[in-house]
């Protein structure tokens, strides 16, 4: 489990389609979970400022390509402060940045969500964008808006977002469960009416 509070920005050193190598100062042991741009991965090698992960096709089918600078967060340990929100590192899909506008000292970013996850977005609810815990500032028919504060812009890769950029999205796990329960209830009501 993670909190979406990025600990550092790393750099993808290489990715051959299955083995991902990230340059990062984070200390991690073999078998530890680390979030890389919001994707929970297992450390298979660690040392000399590099972390290695094996990435399977299921993961690749749900996330944006691994390249460039990435947000890195080690897994939450017992006793760690619980900031951000509960993040699983199970990316739901890839969103698309549609606009980035200055807003005070920060920025306002609009993100188009895959249709199947739009119902899980709640105004003032939580969302994870490239591994960063954010609050949904507004909703529209196509997706969400988030407000980025100066600290987030300085401490993560979100300062690099431009229109057209893909982003890894994990909607709030509680919203996913609620959506599933509501859809099951609707299915059951429909079946009983037949």
N, C-alpha and C. Protein backbone atom coordinates (compact mmCIF):
# COMPACT_ATOMS: atom_id res chain seq x y z
N UNK A 1 0.84 -1.18 0.00
CA UNK A 1 0.00 0.00 0.00
C UNK A 1 0.89 1.25 0.00
N UNK A 2 0.39 2.29 -0.64
CA UNK A 2 1.11 3.56 -0.74
C UNK A 2 0.19 4.69 -0.30
N UNK A 3 0.74 5.89 -0.24
CA UNK A 3 -0.07 7.05 0.13
C UNK A 3 -0.21 8.06 -1.01
N UNK A 4 0.59 7.89 -2.06
CA UNK A 4 0.56 8.86 -3.15
C UNK A 4 1.40 10.09 -2.84
N UNK A 5 2.22 10.02 -1.78
CA UNK A 5 3.14 11.11 -1.47
C UNK A 5 4.51 10.70 -2.01
N UNK A 6 4.86 11.23 -3.15
CA UNK A 6 6.08 10.85 -3.86
C UNK A 6 7.30 11.19 -3.03
N UNK A 7 8.23 10.27 -2.92
CA UNK A 7 9.44 10.46 -2.12
C UNK A 7 10.59 11.02 -2.95
N UNK A 8 10.60 10.70 -4.25
CA UNK A 8 11.66 11.23 -5.12
C UNK A 8 11.26 11.05 -6.58
N UNK A 9 11.97 11.76 -7.43
CA UNK A 9 11.82 11.58 -8.86
C UNK A 9 13.03 10.80 -9.34
N UNK A 10 12.77 9.66 -9.97
CA UNK A 10 13.83 8.82 -10.52
C UNK A 10 13.88 8.97 -12.03
N UNK A 11 14.75 8.21 -12.65
CA UNK A 11 14.92 8.26 -14.10
C UNK A 11 14.96 6.83 -14.63
N UNK A 12 14.18 6.56 -15.68
CA UNK A 12 14.23 5.24 -16.30
C UNK A 12 15.57 5.12 -17.02
N UNK A 13 16.38 4.18 -16.58
CA UNK A 13 17.69 3.94 -17.21
C UNK A 13 17.54 3.06 -18.43
N UNK A 14 16.64 2.06 -18.32
CA UNK A 14 16.38 1.19 -19.46
C UNK A 14 15.08 0.42 -19.23
N UNK A 15 14.48 0.03 -20.34
CA UNK A 15 13.31 -0.84 -20.30
C UNK A 15 13.30 -1.63 -21.60
N UNK A 16 13.43 -2.95 -21.49
CA UNK A 16 13.51 -3.81 -22.67
C UNK A 16 12.19 -4.48 -23.00
N UNK A 17 11.12 -4.02 -22.38
CA UNK A 17 9.80 -4.63 -22.61
C UNK A 17 9.38 -5.54 -21.48
N UNK A 18 10.36 -5.95 -20.64
CA UNK A 18 10.01 -6.77 -19.48
C UNK A 18 10.84 -6.40 -18.24
N UNK A 19 12.08 -6.02 -18.41
CA UNK A 19 12.92 -5.61 -17.27
C UNK A 19 13.07 -4.10 -17.27
N UNK A 20 12.62 -3.48 -16.17
CA UNK A 20 12.69 -2.04 -16.01
C UNK A 20 13.78 -1.71 -15.01
N UNK A 21 14.68 -0.81 -15.38
CA UNK A 21 15.74 -0.33 -14.48
C UNK A 21 15.50 1.16 -14.25
N UNK A 22 15.39 1.53 -12.96
CA UNK A 22 15.16 2.92 -12.59
C UNK A 22 16.31 3.40 -11.72
N UNK A 23 16.87 4.55 -12.09
CA UNK A 23 17.88 5.20 -11.25
C UNK A 23 17.14 5.98 -10.18
N UNK A 24 17.38 5.60 -8.91
CA UNK A 24 16.70 6.25 -7.79
C UNK A 24 17.52 6.03 -6.53
N UNK A 25 17.47 6.99 -5.65
CA UNK A 25 18.22 6.89 -4.39
C UNK A 25 17.49 6.05 -3.35
N UNK A 26 16.22 5.75 -3.58
CA UNK A 26 15.42 5.00 -2.60
C UNK A 26 16.11 3.68 -2.28
N UNK A 27 16.18 3.39 -0.99
CA UNK A 27 16.72 2.08 -0.61
C UNK A 27 15.57 1.09 -0.58
N UNK A 28 15.81 -0.05 -1.19
CA UNK A 28 14.79 -1.09 -1.23
C UNK A 28 15.48 -2.44 -1.28
N UNK A 29 14.88 -3.40 -0.63
CA UNK A 29 15.42 -4.76 -0.61
C UNK A 29 14.72 -5.61 -1.65
N UNK A 30 15.34 -6.72 -1.98
CA UNK A 30 14.75 -7.69 -2.89
C UNK A 30 13.36 -8.06 -2.38
N UNK A 31 12.36 -7.98 -3.25
CA UNK A 31 10.99 -8.33 -2.88
C UNK A 31 10.15 -7.17 -2.38
N UNK A 32 10.77 -6.02 -2.12
CA UNK A 32 10.00 -4.85 -1.67
C UNK A 32 9.11 -4.33 -2.80
N UNK A 33 7.99 -3.71 -2.43
CA UNK A 33 7.12 -3.05 -3.38
C UNK A 33 7.51 -1.58 -3.47
N UNK A 34 7.56 -1.07 -4.69
CA UNK A 34 7.86 0.33 -4.94
C UNK A 34 6.89 0.82 -6.01
N UNK A 35 6.33 2.01 -5.80
CA UNK A 35 5.47 2.61 -6.81
C UNK A 35 6.33 3.42 -7.78
N UNK A 36 6.19 3.10 -9.06
CA UNK A 36 6.89 3.83 -10.13
C UNK A 36 5.82 4.44 -11.02
N UNK A 37 5.67 5.76 -10.95
CA UNK A 37 4.60 6.46 -11.67
C UNK A 37 3.22 5.87 -11.35
N UNK A 38 3.07 5.42 -10.09
CA UNK A 38 1.79 4.90 -9.65
C UNK A 38 1.61 3.41 -9.84
N UNK A 39 2.60 2.73 -10.41
CA UNK A 39 2.52 1.30 -10.68
C UNK A 39 3.27 0.55 -9.59
N UNK A 40 2.58 -0.32 -8.85
CA UNK A 40 3.21 -1.12 -7.82
C UNK A 40 4.04 -2.21 -8.49
N UNK A 41 5.36 -2.15 -8.26
CA UNK A 41 6.28 -3.12 -8.84
C UNK A 41 7.12 -3.74 -7.73
N UNK A 42 7.61 -4.96 -7.96
CA UNK A 42 8.43 -5.68 -6.99
C UNK A 42 9.89 -5.57 -7.37
N UNK A 43 10.72 -5.19 -6.41
CA UNK A 43 12.16 -5.06 -6.64
C UNK A 43 12.77 -6.45 -6.84
N UNK A 44 13.46 -6.63 -7.97
CA UNK A 44 14.15 -7.90 -8.23
C UNK A 44 15.66 -7.74 -8.15
N UNK A 45 16.15 -6.50 -8.20
CA UNK A 45 17.57 -6.19 -7.98
C UNK A 45 17.65 -4.78 -7.43
N UNK A 46 18.63 -4.57 -6.53
CA UNK A 46 18.80 -3.25 -5.94
C UNK A 46 20.27 -3.01 -5.65
N UNK A 47 20.73 -1.80 -5.95
CA UNK A 47 22.11 -1.45 -5.63
C UNK A 47 22.64 -0.37 -6.53
N UNK A 48 23.66 0.33 -6.05
CA UNK A 48 24.34 1.38 -6.81
C UNK A 48 23.38 2.42 -7.38
N UNK A 49 22.35 2.78 -6.57
CA UNK A 49 21.41 3.81 -7.01
C UNK A 49 20.47 3.37 -8.11
N UNK A 50 20.29 2.07 -8.24
CA UNK A 50 19.38 1.54 -9.26
C UNK A 50 18.45 0.49 -8.67
N UNK A 51 17.23 0.49 -9.16
CA UNK A 51 16.25 -0.53 -8.79
C UNK A 51 15.80 -1.22 -10.07
N UNK A 52 15.69 -2.55 -10.02
CA UNK A 52 15.23 -3.31 -11.19
C UNK A 52 13.91 -3.99 -10.86
N UNK A 53 13.03 -4.04 -11.85
CA UNK A 53 11.71 -4.63 -11.70
C UNK A 53 11.40 -5.46 -12.95
N UNK A 54 10.68 -6.56 -12.77
CA UNK A 54 10.14 -7.30 -13.91
C UNK A 54 8.71 -6.84 -14.12
N UNK A 55 8.37 -6.51 -15.37
CA UNK A 55 7.04 -5.99 -15.70
C UNK A 55 6.36 -6.98 -16.65
N UNK A 56 5.15 -7.40 -16.29
CA UNK A 56 4.43 -8.41 -17.07
C UNK A 56 3.44 -7.76 -18.03
N UNK A 57 2.99 -8.50 -19.05
CA UNK A 57 2.06 -7.94 -20.04
C UNK A 57 0.79 -7.35 -19.44
N UNK A 58 0.24 -7.95 -18.37
CA UNK A 58 -0.97 -7.41 -17.74
C UNK A 58 -0.74 -5.97 -17.30
N UNK A 59 0.40 -5.72 -16.69
CA UNK A 59 0.73 -4.36 -16.26
C UNK A 59 0.87 -3.44 -17.46
N UNK A 60 1.61 -3.88 -18.46
CA UNK A 60 1.85 -3.05 -19.64
C UNK A 60 0.56 -2.69 -20.37
N UNK A 61 -0.46 -3.55 -20.27
CA UNK A 61 -1.73 -3.30 -20.96
C UNK A 61 -2.53 -2.18 -20.30
N UNK A 62 -2.17 -1.78 -19.07
CA UNK A 62 -2.96 -0.80 -18.32
C UNK A 62 -2.25 0.52 -18.07
N UNK A 63 -0.97 0.62 -18.41
CA UNK A 63 -0.19 1.80 -18.04
C UNK A 63 0.43 2.48 -19.25
N UNK A 64 0.84 3.74 -19.05
CA UNK A 64 1.55 4.45 -20.10
C UNK A 64 2.97 3.86 -20.21
N UNK A 65 3.68 4.10 -21.29
CA UNK A 65 5.03 3.56 -21.43
C UNK A 65 5.98 4.07 -20.34
N UNK A 66 6.88 3.21 -19.91
CA UNK A 66 7.91 3.60 -18.93
C UNK A 66 9.03 4.31 -19.66
N UNK A 67 9.21 5.60 -19.37
CA UNK A 67 10.27 6.38 -20.03
C UNK A 67 10.51 7.66 -19.25
N UNK A 68 11.73 8.19 -19.36
CA UNK A 68 12.05 9.49 -18.78
C UNK A 68 12.01 9.51 -17.26
N UNK A 69 11.61 10.66 -16.72
CA UNK A 69 11.55 10.84 -15.27
C UNK A 69 10.27 10.22 -14.73
N UNK A 70 10.37 9.58 -13.56
CA UNK A 70 9.24 8.88 -12.96
C UNK A 70 9.14 9.21 -11.47
N UNK A 71 7.91 9.22 -10.97
CA UNK A 71 7.67 9.41 -9.54
C UNK A 71 7.90 8.09 -8.81
N UNK A 72 8.65 8.15 -7.70
CA UNK A 72 9.00 6.94 -6.96
C UNK A 72 8.53 7.08 -5.51
N UNK A 73 7.85 6.03 -5.03
CA UNK A 73 7.43 5.98 -3.63
C UNK A 73 7.58 4.56 -3.10
N UNK A 74 8.39 4.37 -2.05
CA UNK A 74 8.45 3.05 -1.41
C UNK A 74 7.12 2.74 -0.73
N UNK A 75 6.85 1.46 -0.53
CA UNK A 75 5.61 1.05 0.13
C UNK A 75 5.56 1.59 1.56
N UNK A 76 4.36 1.85 2.00
CA UNK A 76 4.11 2.31 3.36
C UNK A 76 4.50 1.21 4.34
N UNK A 77 5.17 1.60 5.41
CA UNK A 77 5.55 0.64 6.45
C UNK A 77 4.73 0.93 7.71
N UNK A 78 4.52 -0.10 8.52
CA UNK A 78 3.77 0.08 9.77
C UNK A 78 4.40 1.20 10.58
N UNK A 79 3.57 2.13 11.03
CA UNK A 79 4.05 3.25 11.82
C UNK A 79 4.33 4.50 11.02
N UNK A 80 4.40 4.38 9.67
CA UNK A 80 4.61 5.57 8.83
C UNK A 80 3.38 6.47 8.90
N UNK A 81 3.57 7.80 8.77
CA UNK A 81 2.41 8.70 8.75
C UNK A 81 1.52 8.42 7.54
N UNK A 82 0.23 8.53 7.75
CA UNK A 82 -0.73 8.30 6.67
C UNK A 82 -1.17 9.64 6.08
N UNK A 83 -0.41 10.16 5.13
CA UNK A 83 -0.80 11.35 4.40
C UNK A 83 -1.43 10.90 3.09
N UNK A 84 -1.74 11.82 2.21
CA UNK A 84 -2.31 11.44 0.91
C UNK A 84 -3.60 10.66 1.09
N UNK A 85 -3.72 9.53 0.39
CA UNK A 85 -4.87 8.65 0.58
C UNK A 85 -4.42 7.21 0.32
N UNK A 86 -5.29 6.25 0.56
CA UNK A 86 -4.93 4.85 0.37
C UNK A 86 -4.78 4.56 -1.12
N UNK A 87 -3.55 4.23 -1.52
CA UNK A 87 -3.23 3.96 -2.91
C UNK A 87 -2.72 2.53 -3.02
N UNK A 88 -3.28 1.77 -3.93
CA UNK A 88 -2.87 0.38 -4.08
C UNK A 88 -1.70 0.21 -5.05
N UNK A 89 -1.54 1.14 -5.96
CA UNK A 89 -0.53 0.95 -7.00
C UNK A 89 -1.04 0.07 -8.12
N UNK A 90 -2.35 -0.13 -8.16
CA UNK A 90 -3.00 -0.91 -9.22
C UNK A 90 -3.63 0.08 -10.19
N UNK A 91 -2.88 0.49 -11.17
CA UNK A 91 -3.34 1.50 -12.12
C UNK A 91 -4.56 0.96 -12.86
N UNK A 92 -5.60 1.81 -12.93
CA UNK A 92 -6.84 1.41 -13.60
C UNK A 92 -6.77 1.61 -15.10
N UNK A 93 -6.06 2.64 -15.52
CA UNK A 93 -5.97 2.92 -16.95
C UNK A 93 -5.18 4.20 -17.17
N UNK A 94 -5.15 4.59 -18.43
CA UNK A 94 -4.38 5.77 -18.83
C UNK A 94 -5.34 6.90 -19.18
N UNK A 95 -5.14 8.05 -18.53
CA UNK A 95 -5.89 9.25 -18.85
C UNK A 95 -5.08 10.11 -19.82
N UNK A 96 -5.71 11.15 -20.33
CA UNK A 96 -5.06 12.04 -21.29
C UNK A 96 -5.21 13.49 -20.81
N UNK A 97 -4.11 14.17 -20.65
CA UNK A 97 -4.15 15.58 -20.25
C UNK A 97 -4.72 16.39 -21.41
N UNK A 98 -5.77 17.16 -21.14
CA UNK A 98 -6.38 17.96 -22.21
C UNK A 98 -6.05 19.44 -22.08
N UNK A 99 -5.72 19.90 -20.86
CA UNK A 99 -5.29 21.29 -20.72
C UNK A 99 -4.50 21.47 -19.43
N UNK A 100 -3.59 22.44 -19.47
CA UNK A 100 -2.79 22.83 -18.29
C UNK A 100 -2.80 24.35 -18.26
N UNK A 101 -3.37 24.92 -17.20
CA UNK A 101 -3.49 26.38 -17.09
C UNK A 101 -2.90 26.86 -15.78
N UNK A 102 -2.25 28.03 -15.79
CA UNK A 102 -1.80 28.60 -14.51
C UNK A 102 -3.00 28.92 -13.63
N UNK A 103 -2.83 28.73 -12.32
CA UNK A 103 -3.90 29.06 -11.38
C UNK A 103 -3.23 29.52 -10.09
N UNK A 104 -3.20 30.81 -9.85
CA UNK A 104 -2.48 31.34 -8.70
C UNK A 104 -1.02 30.97 -8.80
N UNK A 105 -0.47 30.38 -7.75
CA UNK A 105 0.92 29.93 -7.76
C UNK A 105 1.06 28.52 -8.31
N UNK A 106 -0.07 27.87 -8.60
CA UNK A 106 -0.05 26.50 -9.08
C UNK A 106 -0.57 26.37 -10.50
N UNK A 107 -1.12 25.21 -10.79
CA UNK A 107 -1.69 24.94 -12.12
C UNK A 107 -2.97 24.13 -11.98
N UNK A 108 -3.85 24.32 -12.94
CA UNK A 108 -5.09 23.56 -13.03
C UNK A 108 -4.94 22.65 -14.24
N UNK A 109 -5.14 21.35 -14.04
CA UNK A 109 -4.95 20.37 -15.11
C UNK A 109 -6.25 19.62 -15.33
N UNK A 110 -6.68 19.55 -16.60
CA UNK A 110 -7.85 18.74 -16.97
C UNK A 110 -7.34 17.43 -17.55
N UNK A 111 -7.98 16.35 -17.13
CA UNK A 111 -7.59 15.01 -17.58
C UNK A 111 -8.83 14.26 -18.05
N UNK A 112 -8.77 13.78 -19.27
CA UNK A 112 -9.84 12.93 -19.79
C UNK A 112 -9.62 11.52 -19.25
N UNK A 113 -10.66 10.95 -18.66
CA UNK A 113 -10.57 9.60 -18.10
C UNK A 113 -11.17 8.58 -19.06
N UNK A 114 -10.68 7.34 -19.02
CA UNK A 114 -11.36 6.29 -19.75
C UNK A 114 -12.82 6.22 -19.28
N UNK A 115 -13.77 6.04 -20.19
CA UNK A 115 -15.20 6.08 -19.83
C UNK A 115 -15.58 5.19 -18.65
N UNK A 116 -14.98 4.02 -18.54
CA UNK A 116 -15.38 3.09 -17.48
C UNK A 116 -14.99 3.56 -16.08
N UNK A 117 -14.15 4.59 -15.97
CA UNK A 117 -13.74 5.07 -14.65
C UNK A 117 -14.32 6.44 -14.30
N UNK A 118 -15.04 7.04 -15.21
CA UNK A 118 -15.61 8.38 -14.94
C UNK A 118 -16.59 8.36 -13.78
N UNK A 119 -17.35 7.28 -13.64
CA UNK A 119 -18.33 7.20 -12.56
C UNK A 119 -17.67 7.05 -11.19
N UNK A 120 -16.40 6.67 -11.18
CA UNK A 120 -15.68 6.51 -9.90
C UNK A 120 -15.05 7.81 -9.43
N UNK A 121 -15.09 8.84 -10.26
CA UNK A 121 -14.52 10.14 -9.87
C UNK A 121 -15.58 10.95 -9.13
N UNK A 122 -15.19 11.49 -7.98
CA UNK A 122 -16.10 12.25 -7.14
C UNK A 122 -15.45 13.60 -6.83
N UNK A 123 -16.21 14.67 -7.03
CA UNK A 123 -15.66 15.99 -6.69
C UNK A 123 -15.24 16.02 -5.23
N UNK A 124 -14.03 16.50 -4.98
CA UNK A 124 -13.38 16.54 -3.67
C UNK A 124 -12.98 15.16 -3.18
N UNK A 125 -13.09 14.15 -4.06
CA UNK A 125 -12.60 12.81 -3.75
C UNK A 125 -11.15 12.69 -4.15
N UNK A 126 -10.59 11.52 -3.96
CA UNK A 126 -9.18 11.28 -4.25
C UNK A 126 -8.98 10.59 -5.58
N UNK A 127 -7.84 10.88 -6.20
CA UNK A 127 -7.41 10.23 -7.43
C UNK A 127 -5.89 10.21 -7.40
N UNK A 128 -5.31 9.22 -8.05
CA UNK A 128 -3.86 9.15 -8.17
C UNK A 128 -3.49 9.36 -9.63
N UNK A 129 -2.62 10.35 -9.87
CA UNK A 129 -2.15 10.66 -11.23
C UNK A 129 -0.64 10.45 -11.24
N UNK A 130 -0.18 9.49 -12.03
CA UNK A 130 1.25 9.14 -12.08
C UNK A 130 1.82 8.92 -10.68
N UNK A 131 1.02 8.31 -9.81
CA UNK A 131 1.48 7.98 -8.47
C UNK A 131 1.32 9.07 -7.45
N UNK A 132 0.77 10.22 -7.84
CA UNK A 132 0.63 11.36 -6.93
C UNK A 132 -0.81 11.44 -6.44
N UNK A 133 -0.99 11.46 -5.12
CA UNK A 133 -2.31 11.61 -4.52
C UNK A 133 -2.80 13.04 -4.73
N UNK A 134 -3.98 13.16 -5.36
CA UNK A 134 -4.56 14.47 -5.64
C UNK A 134 -6.04 14.47 -5.28
N UNK A 135 -6.58 15.66 -5.12
CA UNK A 135 -8.00 15.85 -4.89
C UNK A 135 -8.66 16.27 -6.19
N UNK A 136 -9.79 15.65 -6.50
CA UNK A 136 -10.55 16.04 -7.69
C UNK A 136 -11.17 17.41 -7.41
N UNK A 137 -10.75 18.41 -8.17
CA UNK A 137 -11.23 19.78 -7.96
C UNK A 137 -12.56 20.01 -8.67
N UNK A 138 -12.76 19.35 -9.80
CA UNK A 138 -14.01 19.52 -10.56
C UNK A 138 -14.18 18.33 -11.49
N UNK A 139 -15.42 18.13 -11.92
CA UNK A 139 -15.77 17.06 -12.86
C UNK A 139 -16.40 17.66 -14.09
N UNK A 140 -16.22 16.99 -15.22
CA UNK A 140 -17.03 17.30 -16.39
C UNK A 140 -17.37 15.96 -17.06
N UNK A 141 -18.07 15.99 -18.14
CA UNK A 141 -18.52 14.76 -18.78
C UNK A 141 -17.40 13.85 -19.24
N UNK A 142 -16.22 14.42 -19.50
CA UNK A 142 -15.12 13.62 -20.04
C UNK A 142 -14.09 13.22 -18.99
N UNK A 143 -14.10 13.87 -17.83
CA UNK A 143 -13.08 13.53 -16.86
C UNK A 143 -13.05 14.44 -15.66
N UNK A 144 -11.84 14.79 -15.25
CA UNK A 144 -11.64 15.51 -14.00
C UNK A 144 -10.71 16.71 -14.19
N UNK A 145 -10.72 17.58 -13.18
CA UNK A 145 -9.73 18.65 -13.07
C UNK A 145 -9.06 18.50 -11.72
N UNK A 146 -7.75 18.72 -11.69
CA UNK A 146 -7.00 18.71 -10.44
C UNK A 146 -6.23 20.02 -10.33
N UNK A 147 -6.05 20.48 -9.10
CA UNK A 147 -5.29 21.70 -8.84
C UNK A 147 -3.95 21.30 -8.24
N UNK A 148 -2.87 21.73 -8.89
CA UNK A 148 -1.53 21.37 -8.43
C UNK A 148 -0.92 22.54 -7.67
N UNK A 149 -0.50 22.29 -6.43
CA UNK A 149 0.13 23.32 -5.62
C UNK A 149 1.62 23.39 -5.96
N UNK A 150 2.29 24.49 -5.60
CA UNK A 150 3.72 24.62 -5.92
C UNK A 150 4.58 23.46 -5.41
N UNK A 151 4.29 22.94 -4.20
CA UNK A 151 5.10 21.83 -3.67
C UNK A 151 4.99 20.61 -4.58
N UNK A 152 3.78 20.28 -5.01
CA UNK A 152 3.59 19.13 -5.90
C UNK A 152 4.34 19.33 -7.21
N UNK A 153 4.29 20.54 -7.73
CA UNK A 153 5.00 20.84 -8.98
C UNK A 153 6.51 20.70 -8.80
N UNK A 154 7.03 21.06 -7.62
CA UNK A 154 8.47 20.99 -7.37
C UNK A 154 8.95 19.58 -7.05
N UNK A 155 8.09 18.76 -6.43
CA UNK A 155 8.53 17.46 -5.91
C UNK A 155 8.19 16.27 -6.78
N UNK A 156 7.46 16.49 -7.89
CA UNK A 156 7.02 15.38 -8.74
C UNK A 156 7.25 15.72 -10.21
N UNK A 157 6.91 14.77 -11.05
CA UNK A 157 7.02 15.00 -12.50
C UNK A 157 5.80 15.72 -13.06
N UNK A 158 4.80 16.02 -12.23
CA UNK A 158 3.58 16.65 -12.75
C UNK A 158 3.84 18.06 -13.28
N UNK A 159 4.97 18.65 -12.93
CA UNK A 159 5.31 19.96 -13.49
C UNK A 159 5.64 19.87 -14.98
N UNK A 160 5.83 18.66 -15.50
CA UNK A 160 6.16 18.46 -16.91
C UNK A 160 4.93 18.20 -17.78
N UNK A 161 3.75 18.12 -17.16
CA UNK A 161 2.54 17.79 -17.93
C UNK A 161 2.22 18.85 -18.97
N UNK A 162 1.86 18.36 -20.15
CA UNK A 162 1.44 19.20 -21.26
C UNK A 162 0.19 18.56 -21.88
N UNK A 163 -0.65 19.35 -22.57
CA UNK A 163 -1.79 18.75 -23.26
C UNK A 163 -1.32 17.63 -24.20
N UNK A 164 -2.06 16.54 -24.18
CA UNK A 164 -1.73 15.38 -25.00
C UNK A 164 -0.92 14.33 -24.27
N UNK A 165 -0.44 14.65 -23.07
CA UNK A 165 0.38 13.70 -22.31
C UNK A 165 -0.48 12.60 -21.70
N UNK A 166 -0.04 11.35 -21.79
CA UNK A 166 -0.74 10.27 -21.09
C UNK A 166 -0.34 10.26 -19.62
N UNK A 167 -1.26 9.88 -18.74
CA UNK A 167 -0.98 9.76 -17.31
C UNK A 167 -1.62 8.49 -16.76
N UNK A 168 -0.92 7.84 -15.84
CA UNK A 168 -1.47 6.67 -15.16
C UNK A 168 -2.50 7.14 -14.15
N UNK A 169 -3.67 6.51 -14.18
CA UNK A 169 -4.77 6.88 -13.29
C UNK A 169 -5.16 5.69 -12.42
N UNK A 170 -5.23 5.95 -11.12
CA UNK A 170 -5.84 5.00 -10.19
C UNK A 170 -6.95 5.75 -9.47
N UNK A 171 -8.19 5.34 -9.73
CA UNK A 171 -9.30 5.98 -9.03
C UNK A 171 -9.35 5.44 -7.61
N UNK A 172 -10.03 6.16 -6.74
CA UNK A 172 -10.09 5.79 -5.33
C UNK A 172 -10.69 4.40 -5.16
N UNK A 173 -10.03 3.56 -4.37
CA UNK A 173 -10.47 2.18 -4.18
C UNK A 173 -11.87 2.11 -3.57
N UNK A 174 -12.21 3.04 -2.68
CA UNK A 174 -13.55 3.03 -2.09
C UNK A 174 -14.61 3.32 -3.15
N UNK A 175 -14.30 4.22 -4.08
CA UNK A 175 -15.23 4.52 -5.17
C UNK A 175 -15.43 3.30 -6.06
N UNK A 176 -14.34 2.54 -6.29
CA UNK A 176 -14.46 1.32 -7.12
C UNK A 176 -15.37 0.30 -6.46
N UNK A 177 -15.21 0.12 -5.16
CA UNK A 177 -16.08 -0.84 -4.45
C UNK A 177 -17.53 -0.37 -4.45
N UNK A 178 -17.75 0.91 -4.22
CA UNK A 178 -19.12 1.45 -4.23
C UNK A 178 -19.75 1.26 -5.60
N UNK A 179 -18.99 1.57 -6.66
CA UNK A 179 -19.50 1.40 -8.02
C UNK A 179 -19.85 -0.06 -8.29
N UNK A 180 -19.03 -0.96 -7.84
CA UNK A 180 -19.27 -2.39 -8.04
C UNK A 180 -20.53 -2.83 -7.30
N UNK A 181 -20.70 -2.38 -6.06
CA UNK A 181 -21.89 -2.75 -5.29
C UNK A 181 -23.16 -2.19 -5.93
N UNK A 182 -23.11 -0.95 -6.38
CA UNK A 182 -24.27 -0.34 -7.03
C UNK A 182 -24.61 -1.08 -8.32
N UNK A 183 -23.61 -1.42 -9.10
CA UNK A 183 -23.89 -2.11 -10.37
C UNK A 183 -24.42 -3.52 -10.11
N UNK A 184 -23.94 -4.18 -9.06
CA UNK A 184 -24.47 -5.50 -8.71
C UNK A 184 -25.94 -5.39 -8.29
N UNK A 185 -26.25 -4.36 -7.48
CA UNK A 185 -27.63 -4.16 -7.04
C UNK A 185 -28.54 -3.90 -8.23
N UNK A 186 -28.06 -3.08 -9.18
CA UNK A 186 -28.84 -2.78 -10.38
C UNK A 186 -29.06 -4.03 -11.21
N UNK A 187 -28.00 -4.86 -11.34
CA UNK A 187 -28.11 -6.11 -12.08
C UNK A 187 -29.12 -7.03 -11.43
N UNK A 188 -29.08 -7.12 -10.09
CA UNK A 188 -29.99 -8.00 -9.35
C UNK A 188 -31.43 -7.51 -9.49
N UNK A 189 -31.65 -6.18 -9.43
CA UNK A 189 -32.99 -5.63 -9.60
C UNK A 189 -33.51 -5.90 -11.00
N UNK A 190 -32.64 -5.76 -12.00
CA UNK A 190 -33.04 -6.03 -13.37
C UNK A 190 -33.40 -7.49 -13.59
N UNK A 191 -32.64 -8.39 -12.97
CA UNK A 191 -32.89 -9.82 -13.12
C UNK A 191 -34.20 -10.22 -12.43
N UNK A 192 -34.50 -9.61 -11.27
CA UNK A 192 -35.72 -9.96 -10.55
C UNK A 192 -36.96 -9.41 -11.25
N UNK A 193 -36.80 -8.35 -12.06
CA UNK A 193 -37.93 -7.76 -12.79
C UNK A 193 -38.29 -8.59 -14.00
N UNK A 194 -37.37 -9.45 -14.44
CA UNK A 194 -37.63 -10.25 -15.65
C UNK A 194 -38.58 -11.38 -15.43
